[in-house]
């Protein structure tokens, strides 16, 4: 896990994928456990994550300040797919699903 210790809060930038690992989604939250459950339960049926069955966590970073988390989310979203995959594989070489760490 990449961690930035400044700040006293918990924010996460995360990347989800589908079972076959063909689609990527980057998001930010202050409660990763809750947010993963919301994605899994498809609370918004019309959302991108619901349409493409994106509820498998393959990457996350922890931040103490929301401003840093939002800036990092934007940075990751601006990356080309191949660079996102490099980032994920540096953190999670086998691209295993990490959801169990937050259950």
N, C-alpha and C. Protein backbone atom coordinates (compact mmCIF):
# COMPACT_ATOMS: atom_id res chain seq x y z
N UNK A 1 0.85 -1.18 0.00
CA UNK A 1 0.00 0.00 0.00
C UNK A 1 0.89 1.24 0.00
N UNK A 2 0.55 2.20 -0.81
CA UNK A 2 1.22 3.48 -0.82
C UNK A 2 0.51 4.36 0.19
N UNK A 3 1.25 4.99 1.10
CA UNK A 3 0.61 5.77 2.15
C UNK A 3 1.29 7.12 2.29
N UNK A 4 0.49 8.16 2.40
CA UNK A 4 0.97 9.51 2.65
C UNK A 4 0.49 9.88 4.05
N UNK A 5 1.41 10.00 5.01
CA UNK A 5 1.04 10.05 6.41
C UNK A 5 0.59 11.41 6.89
N UNK A 6 0.85 12.48 6.13
CA UNK A 6 0.41 13.78 6.62
C UNK A 6 -1.12 13.82 6.65
N UNK A 7 -1.65 14.55 7.59
CA UNK A 7 -3.11 14.62 7.74
C UNK A 7 -3.59 13.59 8.74
N UNK A 8 -4.81 13.78 9.19
CA UNK A 8 -5.36 12.90 10.22
C UNK A 8 -6.59 12.13 9.75
N UNK A 9 -6.91 12.25 8.48
CA UNK A 9 -8.11 11.62 7.94
C UNK A 9 -7.73 10.44 7.05
N UNK A 10 -8.74 9.72 6.61
CA UNK A 10 -8.53 8.58 5.72
C UNK A 10 -9.28 8.79 4.42
N UNK A 11 -8.53 8.88 3.36
CA UNK A 11 -9.09 8.97 2.01
C UNK A 11 -8.34 7.99 1.13
N UNK A 12 -9.06 7.43 0.19
CA UNK A 12 -8.47 6.44 -0.70
C UNK A 12 -8.76 6.78 -2.15
N UNK A 13 -7.74 6.62 -2.97
CA UNK A 13 -7.91 6.60 -4.42
C UNK A 13 -7.83 5.12 -4.77
N UNK A 14 -8.76 4.66 -5.62
CA UNK A 14 -8.81 3.23 -5.89
C UNK A 14 -9.11 2.98 -7.36
N UNK A 15 -8.74 1.81 -7.81
CA UNK A 15 -9.06 1.38 -9.17
C UNK A 15 -9.81 0.06 -9.09
N UNK A 16 -10.94 0.02 -9.78
CA UNK A 16 -11.76 -1.19 -9.87
C UNK A 16 -11.68 -1.74 -11.28
N UNK A 17 -11.98 -3.01 -11.38
CA UNK A 17 -12.06 -3.66 -12.68
C UNK A 17 -13.21 -4.67 -12.66
N UNK A 18 -13.46 -5.29 -13.81
CA UNK A 18 -14.47 -6.35 -13.88
C UNK A 18 -13.77 -7.70 -13.72
N UNK A 19 -14.54 -8.75 -13.71
CA UNK A 19 -13.97 -10.09 -13.46
C UNK A 19 -12.88 -10.44 -14.47
N UNK A 20 -13.06 -10.06 -15.73
CA UNK A 20 -12.07 -10.40 -16.76
C UNK A 20 -10.97 -9.36 -16.89
N UNK A 21 -11.00 -8.33 -16.04
CA UNK A 21 -9.97 -7.30 -15.97
C UNK A 21 -9.80 -6.52 -17.27
N UNK A 22 -10.90 -6.24 -17.95
CA UNK A 22 -10.83 -5.54 -19.24
C UNK A 22 -11.20 -4.05 -19.15
N UNK A 23 -11.88 -3.65 -18.09
CA UNK A 23 -12.31 -2.25 -17.92
C UNK A 23 -11.76 -1.74 -16.60
N UNK A 24 -11.33 -0.47 -16.58
CA UNK A 24 -10.80 0.14 -15.36
C UNK A 24 -11.63 1.35 -14.97
N UNK A 25 -11.77 1.56 -13.66
CA UNK A 25 -12.48 2.72 -13.12
C UNK A 25 -11.66 3.25 -11.94
N UNK A 26 -11.42 4.55 -11.93
CA UNK A 26 -10.69 5.19 -10.83
C UNK A 26 -11.64 6.06 -10.03
N UNK A 27 -11.58 5.95 -8.71
CA UNK A 27 -12.45 6.75 -7.85
C UNK A 27 -11.72 7.19 -6.59
N UNK A 28 -12.42 8.00 -5.79
CA UNK A 28 -11.88 8.47 -4.51
C UNK A 28 -12.99 8.36 -3.47
N UNK A 29 -12.63 8.03 -2.23
CA UNK A 29 -13.62 7.88 -1.16
C UNK A 29 -12.95 8.08 0.19
N UNK A 30 -13.78 8.35 1.20
CA UNK A 30 -13.26 8.42 2.56
C UNK A 30 -13.52 7.13 3.33
N UNK A 31 -14.21 6.19 2.72
CA UNK A 31 -14.52 4.91 3.37
C UNK A 31 -14.51 3.83 2.30
N UNK A 32 -13.36 3.20 2.11
CA UNK A 32 -13.22 2.24 1.01
C UNK A 32 -14.10 1.01 1.21
N UNK A 33 -14.23 0.55 2.43
CA UNK A 33 -15.09 -0.62 2.70
C UNK A 33 -16.53 -0.35 2.26
N UNK A 34 -17.07 0.79 2.69
CA UNK A 34 -18.44 1.16 2.33
C UNK A 34 -18.59 1.33 0.82
N UNK A 35 -17.61 2.00 0.22
CA UNK A 35 -17.70 2.28 -1.21
C UNK A 35 -17.63 1.01 -2.04
N UNK A 36 -16.81 0.06 -1.65
CA UNK A 36 -16.75 -1.22 -2.36
C UNK A 36 -18.09 -1.96 -2.28
N UNK A 37 -18.72 -1.89 -1.11
CA UNK A 37 -20.04 -2.51 -0.96
C UNK A 37 -21.07 -1.82 -1.85
N UNK A 38 -21.01 -0.50 -1.93
CA UNK A 38 -21.93 0.23 -2.81
C UNK A 38 -21.74 -0.17 -4.27
N UNK A 39 -20.49 -0.32 -4.69
CA UNK A 39 -20.23 -0.77 -6.06
C UNK A 39 -20.77 -2.18 -6.27
N UNK A 40 -20.52 -3.06 -5.32
CA UNK A 40 -20.98 -4.45 -5.44
C UNK A 40 -22.50 -4.53 -5.48
N UNK A 41 -23.17 -3.73 -4.64
CA UNK A 41 -24.63 -3.74 -4.58
C UNK A 41 -25.28 -2.95 -5.70
N UNK A 42 -24.46 -2.26 -6.51
CA UNK A 42 -24.94 -1.48 -7.65
C UNK A 42 -26.07 -0.53 -7.24
N UNK A 43 -25.76 0.32 -6.25
CA UNK A 43 -26.78 1.22 -5.71
C UNK A 43 -27.30 2.21 -6.76
N UNK A 44 -26.50 2.52 -7.75
CA UNK A 44 -26.95 3.35 -8.87
C UNK A 44 -26.86 2.49 -10.13
N UNK A 45 -27.98 1.93 -10.53
CA UNK A 45 -28.02 0.99 -11.65
C UNK A 45 -27.53 1.58 -12.97
N UNK A 46 -27.56 2.90 -13.10
CA UNK A 46 -27.17 3.55 -14.35
C UNK A 46 -25.71 4.01 -14.35
N UNK A 47 -24.99 3.74 -13.28
CA UNK A 47 -23.60 4.20 -13.19
C UNK A 47 -22.69 3.38 -14.10
N UNK A 48 -21.55 3.95 -14.41
CA UNK A 48 -20.54 3.27 -15.22
C UNK A 48 -20.12 1.95 -14.58
N UNK A 49 -19.90 1.99 -13.27
CA UNK A 49 -19.45 0.77 -12.59
C UNK A 49 -20.51 -0.32 -12.59
N UNK A 50 -21.77 0.06 -12.49
CA UNK A 50 -22.85 -0.94 -12.52
C UNK A 50 -22.99 -1.53 -13.92
N UNK A 51 -22.95 -0.69 -14.94
CA UNK A 51 -23.12 -1.17 -16.31
C UNK A 51 -22.03 -2.16 -16.71
N UNK A 52 -20.81 -1.93 -16.24
CA UNK A 52 -19.69 -2.77 -16.64
C UNK A 52 -19.24 -3.75 -15.55
N UNK A 53 -20.06 -3.90 -14.51
CA UNK A 53 -19.78 -4.84 -13.41
C UNK A 53 -18.39 -4.64 -12.81
N UNK A 54 -18.10 -3.40 -12.48
CA UNK A 54 -16.80 -3.06 -11.92
C UNK A 54 -16.92 -3.04 -10.39
N UNK A 55 -16.58 -4.13 -9.77
CA UNK A 55 -16.60 -4.15 -8.30
C UNK A 55 -15.43 -4.94 -7.72
N UNK A 56 -14.37 -5.09 -8.50
CA UNK A 56 -13.18 -5.81 -8.04
C UNK A 56 -12.03 -4.83 -7.86
N UNK A 57 -11.59 -4.67 -6.62
CA UNK A 57 -10.51 -3.75 -6.28
C UNK A 57 -9.16 -4.35 -6.68
N UNK A 58 -8.37 -3.59 -7.46
CA UNK A 58 -7.05 -4.08 -7.84
C UNK A 58 -5.94 -3.10 -7.46
N UNK A 59 -6.31 -1.91 -6.97
CA UNK A 59 -5.30 -0.90 -6.63
C UNK A 59 -5.91 0.12 -5.67
N UNK A 60 -5.09 0.60 -4.72
CA UNK A 60 -5.53 1.71 -3.89
C UNK A 60 -4.33 2.43 -3.30
N UNK A 61 -4.55 3.68 -2.96
CA UNK A 61 -3.57 4.50 -2.25
C UNK A 61 -4.31 5.18 -1.11
N UNK A 62 -3.62 5.35 0.01
CA UNK A 62 -4.20 5.99 1.19
C UNK A 62 -3.64 7.41 1.35
N UNK A 63 -4.50 8.35 1.72
CA UNK A 63 -4.11 9.74 1.92
C UNK A 63 -4.70 10.26 3.22
N UNK A 64 -4.04 11.23 3.81
CA UNK A 64 -4.54 11.89 5.01
C UNK A 64 -5.32 13.15 4.73
N UNK A 65 -5.24 13.64 3.52
CA UNK A 65 -5.94 14.88 3.14
C UNK A 65 -6.72 14.66 1.85
N UNK A 66 -7.96 15.14 1.80
CA UNK A 66 -8.80 14.97 0.63
C UNK A 66 -8.21 15.68 -0.58
N UNK A 67 -7.57 16.83 -0.38
CA UNK A 67 -7.01 17.57 -1.51
C UNK A 67 -5.96 16.74 -2.24
N UNK A 68 -5.13 16.03 -1.48
CA UNK A 68 -4.12 15.17 -2.10
C UNK A 68 -4.77 14.00 -2.82
N UNK A 69 -5.80 13.43 -2.22
CA UNK A 69 -6.49 12.29 -2.84
C UNK A 69 -7.15 12.69 -4.15
N UNK A 70 -7.81 13.84 -4.16
CA UNK A 70 -8.48 14.30 -5.38
C UNK A 70 -7.46 14.60 -6.47
N UNK A 71 -6.36 15.23 -6.09
CA UNK A 71 -5.31 15.54 -7.07
C UNK A 71 -4.74 14.24 -7.66
N UNK A 72 -4.54 13.24 -6.83
CA UNK A 72 -4.00 11.96 -7.31
C UNK A 72 -5.02 11.24 -8.19
N UNK A 73 -6.29 11.29 -7.82
CA UNK A 73 -7.33 10.68 -8.65
C UNK A 73 -7.30 11.28 -10.05
N UNK A 74 -7.23 12.60 -10.13
CA UNK A 74 -7.19 13.27 -11.44
C UNK A 74 -5.94 12.87 -12.22
N UNK A 75 -4.82 12.78 -11.51
CA UNK A 75 -3.57 12.38 -12.16
C UNK A 75 -3.69 10.98 -12.76
N UNK A 76 -4.25 10.05 -12.00
CA UNK A 76 -4.41 8.68 -12.49
C UNK A 76 -5.40 8.63 -13.65
N UNK A 77 -6.50 9.35 -13.53
CA UNK A 77 -7.50 9.35 -14.61
C UNK A 77 -6.92 9.88 -15.92
N UNK A 78 -5.94 10.76 -15.82
CA UNK A 78 -5.32 11.33 -17.03
C UNK A 78 -4.30 10.42 -17.68
N UNK A 79 -3.92 9.33 -17.00
CA UNK A 79 -2.93 8.41 -17.55
C UNK A 79 -3.52 7.59 -18.69
N UNK A 80 -2.68 7.25 -19.66
CA UNK A 80 -3.08 6.31 -20.69
C UNK A 80 -3.27 4.94 -20.05
N UNK A 81 -4.07 4.10 -20.65
CA UNK A 81 -4.37 2.78 -20.09
C UNK A 81 -3.10 2.00 -19.76
N UNK A 82 -2.12 1.99 -20.67
CA UNK A 82 -0.89 1.21 -20.43
C UNK A 82 -0.15 1.70 -19.19
N UNK A 83 -0.19 3.01 -18.92
CA UNK A 83 0.47 3.54 -17.72
C UNK A 83 -0.32 3.20 -16.46
N UNK A 84 -1.64 3.16 -16.58
CA UNK A 84 -2.46 2.71 -15.44
C UNK A 84 -2.14 1.26 -15.11
N UNK A 85 -2.02 0.43 -16.14
CA UNK A 85 -1.69 -0.97 -15.92
C UNK A 85 -0.31 -1.13 -15.30
N UNK A 86 0.65 -0.31 -15.72
CA UNK A 86 1.98 -0.34 -15.10
C UNK A 86 1.89 0.02 -13.61
N UNK A 87 1.11 1.05 -13.30
CA UNK A 87 0.92 1.48 -11.92
C UNK A 87 0.31 0.35 -11.09
N UNK A 88 -0.72 -0.27 -11.63
CA UNK A 88 -1.40 -1.37 -10.93
C UNK A 88 -0.43 -2.53 -10.72
N UNK A 89 0.31 -2.90 -11.76
CA UNK A 89 1.20 -4.07 -11.67
C UNK A 89 2.39 -3.82 -10.76
N UNK A 90 2.82 -2.58 -10.61
CA UNK A 90 3.87 -2.27 -9.63
C UNK A 90 3.37 -2.52 -8.21
N UNK A 91 2.11 -2.23 -7.98
CA UNK A 91 1.47 -2.37 -6.66
C UNK A 91 0.96 -3.80 -6.44
N UNK A 92 0.41 -4.38 -7.49
CA UNK A 92 -0.30 -5.66 -7.41
C UNK A 92 0.07 -6.47 -8.66
N UNK A 93 1.28 -7.08 -8.69
CA UNK A 93 1.80 -7.71 -9.90
C UNK A 93 0.89 -8.76 -10.54
N UNK A 94 0.17 -9.50 -9.73
CA UNK A 94 -0.71 -10.55 -10.26
C UNK A 94 -2.12 -10.03 -10.55
N UNK A 95 -2.35 -8.78 -10.26
CA UNK A 95 -3.67 -8.15 -10.42
C UNK A 95 -4.77 -8.97 -9.73
N UNK A 96 -4.44 -9.44 -8.52
CA UNK A 96 -5.43 -10.18 -7.73
C UNK A 96 -6.45 -9.19 -7.16
N UNK A 97 -7.64 -9.67 -6.89
CA UNK A 97 -8.68 -8.83 -6.32
C UNK A 97 -8.39 -8.63 -4.85
N UNK A 98 -8.43 -7.39 -4.40
CA UNK A 98 -8.04 -7.02 -3.04
C UNK A 98 -9.23 -6.73 -2.12
N UNK A 99 -10.43 -7.00 -2.57
CA UNK A 99 -11.63 -6.68 -1.81
C UNK A 99 -11.61 -7.27 -0.41
N UNK A 100 -11.05 -8.45 -0.26
CA UNK A 100 -11.07 -9.12 1.05
C UNK A 100 -10.31 -8.32 2.11
N UNK A 101 -9.41 -7.44 1.72
CA UNK A 101 -8.69 -6.61 2.68
C UNK A 101 -9.61 -5.58 3.34
N UNK A 102 -10.79 -5.36 2.76
CA UNK A 102 -11.70 -4.33 3.26
C UNK A 102 -13.07 -4.90 3.61
N UNK A 103 -13.15 -6.18 3.91
CA UNK A 103 -14.44 -6.76 4.30
C UNK A 103 -14.59 -6.78 5.78
